[in-house]
């Protein structure tokens, strides 16, 4: 079905769609639509210093990590990315003899969290930040990281999956 537009020309639905697509493409090329194309990336630079990587050993349903006195995780306030066969965990030494282990997978879109700044874990993909207890400090993630039970004795951290 055709209709007459405001300039007196005959306009078909097909013609309207073609002109609308051309206009949309032109605007997109010139950046006029940029404010409308909001990404989930935060305004803050998501880049943060990389976490120290520490190796763990998976045995059954537990991951063990050696924490000798000279290791990065030996000092309270430090954190590391613990890698083991089949996965990775975030581990923070929160106070003398106390550790918190979290999944290293961001709850926003599944990226591996690799940054740590100002006592928060930072996802490199979209800038989500998580406190060392796993709670969301800044989105776009809205769900906390999963926590795991930890035990520390004789310079060895055990994380129960």
Protein backbone atom coordinates (compact mmCIF):
# COMPACT_ATOMS: atom_id res chain seq x y z
CA UNK A 1 0.00 0.00 0.00
CA UNK A 2 1.35 3.42 -0.94
CA UNK A 3 0.76 6.79 0.66
CA UNK A 4 1.67 10.36 -0.07
CA UNK A 5 4.40 11.81 2.19
CA UNK A 6 4.70 15.42 3.38
CA UNK A 7 6.60 16.42 0.21
CA UNK A 8 3.86 15.09 -2.10
CA UNK A 9 5.83 12.03 -3.22
CA UNK A 10 4.37 8.54 -3.27
CA UNK A 11 5.91 6.50 -0.47
CA UNK A 12 5.73 2.70 -0.24
CA UNK A 13 6.57 0.71 2.87
CA UNK A 14 9.55 -0.79 1.05
CA UNK A 15 10.82 2.65 0.05
CA UNK A 16 10.41 3.93 3.61
CA UNK A 17 12.38 1.01 5.07
CA UNK A 18 15.17 1.45 2.52
CA UNK A 19 15.46 5.20 3.27
CA UNK A 20 15.36 4.58 7.02
CA UNK A 21 18.17 2.02 6.77
CA UNK A 22 20.28 4.38 4.68
CA UNK A 23 19.75 7.20 7.17
CA UNK A 24 20.56 4.92 10.12
CA UNK A 25 23.76 3.74 8.42
CA UNK A 26 24.80 7.29 7.64
CA UNK A 27 24.22 8.45 11.21
CA UNK A 28 26.09 5.47 12.63
CA UNK A 29 29.08 6.16 10.37
CA UNK A 30 29.27 9.74 11.54
CA UNK A 31 29.03 8.84 15.22
CA UNK A 32 25.68 10.50 15.78
CA UNK A 33 24.33 7.31 17.30
CA UNK A 34 27.30 6.76 19.60
CA UNK A 35 25.51 8.07 22.73
CA UNK A 36 22.66 5.66 22.00
CA UNK A 37 24.94 2.68 21.60
CA UNK A 38 25.82 2.35 25.26
CA UNK A 39 28.06 -0.57 26.06
CA UNK A 40 28.23 -2.32 29.40
CA UNK A 41 31.79 -1.11 29.91
CA UNK A 42 32.05 1.13 32.94
CA UNK A 43 33.33 4.68 32.71
CA UNK A 44 36.31 3.73 34.85
CA UNK A 45 39.30 2.16 33.20
CA UNK A 46 38.89 -1.55 34.02
CA UNK A 47 42.61 -2.13 33.75
CA UNK A 48 44.10 -2.91 37.14
CA UNK A 49 47.43 -4.40 38.15
CA UNK A 50 47.45 -8.10 37.40
CA UNK A 51 47.03 -10.50 40.26
CA UNK A 52 50.03 -12.62 41.18
CA UNK A 53 49.48 -16.12 39.81
CA UNK A 54 49.99 -18.98 42.24
CA UNK A 55 49.75 -22.68 41.38
CA UNK A 56 47.40 -24.95 43.29
CA UNK A 57 46.87 -28.68 43.20
CA UNK A 58 43.45 -30.22 42.68
CA UNK A 59 42.88 -33.50 44.49
CA UNK A 60 39.35 -34.82 44.65
CA UNK A 61 37.20 -31.92 45.74
CA UNK A 62 39.95 -29.76 47.24
CA UNK A 63 42.60 -27.39 45.99
CA UNK A 64 45.77 -27.06 48.05
CA UNK A 65 48.14 -24.10 47.87
CA UNK A 66 51.52 -23.88 49.53
CA UNK A 67 51.83 -20.61 51.48
CA UNK A 68 55.36 -20.51 52.87
CA UNK A 69 56.47 -17.44 54.82
CA UNK A 70 58.17 -15.93 51.76
CA UNK A 71 55.24 -16.33 49.35
CA UNK A 72 53.01 -13.52 48.07
CA UNK A 73 49.96 -14.88 49.90
CA UNK A 74 51.80 -15.02 53.25
CA UNK A 75 51.09 -11.35 54.00
CA UNK A 76 47.61 -10.26 55.05
CA UNK A 77 46.11 -7.83 52.53
CA UNK A 78 47.53 -9.62 49.50
CA UNK A 79 45.56 -11.57 46.91
CA UNK A 80 46.37 -13.98 44.11
CA UNK A 81 44.86 -15.87 41.21
CA UNK A 82 45.25 -19.54 42.09
CA UNK A 83 45.40 -21.70 38.99
CA UNK A 84 44.94 -25.45 39.03
CA UNK A 85 44.05 -28.15 36.55
CA UNK A 86 40.61 -27.27 35.25
CA UNK A 87 40.12 -23.91 36.90
CA UNK A 88 41.12 -20.83 38.80
CA UNK A 89 40.16 -19.20 42.09
CA UNK A 90 40.69 -15.79 43.63
CA UNK A 91 42.32 -15.99 47.06
CA UNK A 92 42.74 -13.11 49.49
CA UNK A 93 44.67 -13.26 52.75
CA UNK A 94 42.25 -11.14 54.77
CA UNK A 95 43.80 -11.31 58.24
CA UNK A 96 46.32 -13.37 60.18
CA UNK A 97 45.63 -17.00 59.20
CA UNK A 98 42.33 -16.16 57.44
CA UNK A 99 41.79 -16.54 53.71
CA UNK A 100 38.80 -16.06 51.43
CA UNK A 101 38.54 -18.10 48.22
CA UNK A 102 36.18 -17.09 45.42
CA UNK A 103 35.38 -18.22 41.93
CA UNK A 104 37.54 -16.31 39.43
CA UNK A 105 34.71 -16.18 36.90
CA UNK A 106 32.93 -12.83 36.70
CA UNK A 107 29.18 -13.17 37.20
CA UNK A 108 28.49 -10.60 34.48
CA UNK A 109 29.62 -12.42 31.34
CA UNK A 110 31.99 -15.15 32.50
CA UNK A 111 35.38 -13.50 32.01
CA UNK A 112 38.24 -14.57 34.25
CA UNK A 113 38.98 -11.87 36.82
CA UNK A 114 42.67 -11.03 36.68
CA UNK A 115 43.07 -7.57 38.25
CA UNK A 116 43.34 -6.34 41.82
CA UNK A 117 43.31 -2.70 42.88
CA UNK A 118 42.49 -1.02 46.20
CA UNK A 119 41.41 -4.30 47.83
CA UNK A 120 38.94 -5.10 45.04
CA UNK A 121 39.09 -7.64 42.26
CA UNK A 122 38.62 -6.08 38.82
CA UNK A 123 37.22 -7.86 35.77
CA UNK A 124 39.21 -6.90 32.67
CA UNK A 125 36.25 -7.30 30.31
CA UNK A 126 33.69 -4.80 31.56
CA UNK A 127 35.14 -3.30 34.73
CA UNK A 128 33.02 -5.06 37.37
CA UNK A 129 34.63 -4.86 40.80
CA UNK A 130 34.25 -7.28 43.68
CA UNK A 131 35.27 -6.96 47.31
CA UNK A 132 37.51 -9.66 48.75
CA UNK A 133 34.41 -11.24 50.33
CA UNK A 134 32.91 -11.65 46.84
CA UNK A 135 30.26 -8.94 47.08
CA UNK A 136 29.78 -6.65 44.08
CA UNK A 137 31.45 -3.27 44.66
CA UNK A 138 30.65 -1.90 41.18
CA UNK A 139 28.69 -3.27 38.22
CA UNK A 140 27.75 -4.13 35.60
CA UNK A 141 27.84 -7.45 37.49
CA UNK A 142 24.95 -7.69 39.95
CA UNK A 143 25.62 -11.09 41.52
CA UNK A 144 28.32 -11.85 44.09
CA UNK A 145 31.14 -14.28 43.40
CA UNK A 146 30.77 -17.77 44.85
CA UNK A 147 32.79 -18.37 48.00
CA UNK A 148 34.51 -21.57 49.07
CA UNK A 149 35.43 -22.87 52.52
CA UNK A 150 39.13 -22.52 53.37
CA UNK A 151 41.38 -24.06 56.00
CA UNK A 152 44.93 -22.95 56.77
CA UNK A 153 47.50 -24.95 58.73
CA UNK A 154 51.23 -25.69 58.47
CA UNK A 155 51.79 -23.22 55.62
CA UNK A 156 49.19 -24.94 53.46
CA UNK A 157 45.85 -23.49 52.36
CA UNK A 158 43.11 -25.98 51.57
CA UNK A 159 40.11 -24.82 49.56
CA UNK A 160 37.08 -27.09 49.57
CA UNK A 161 35.22 -26.96 46.26
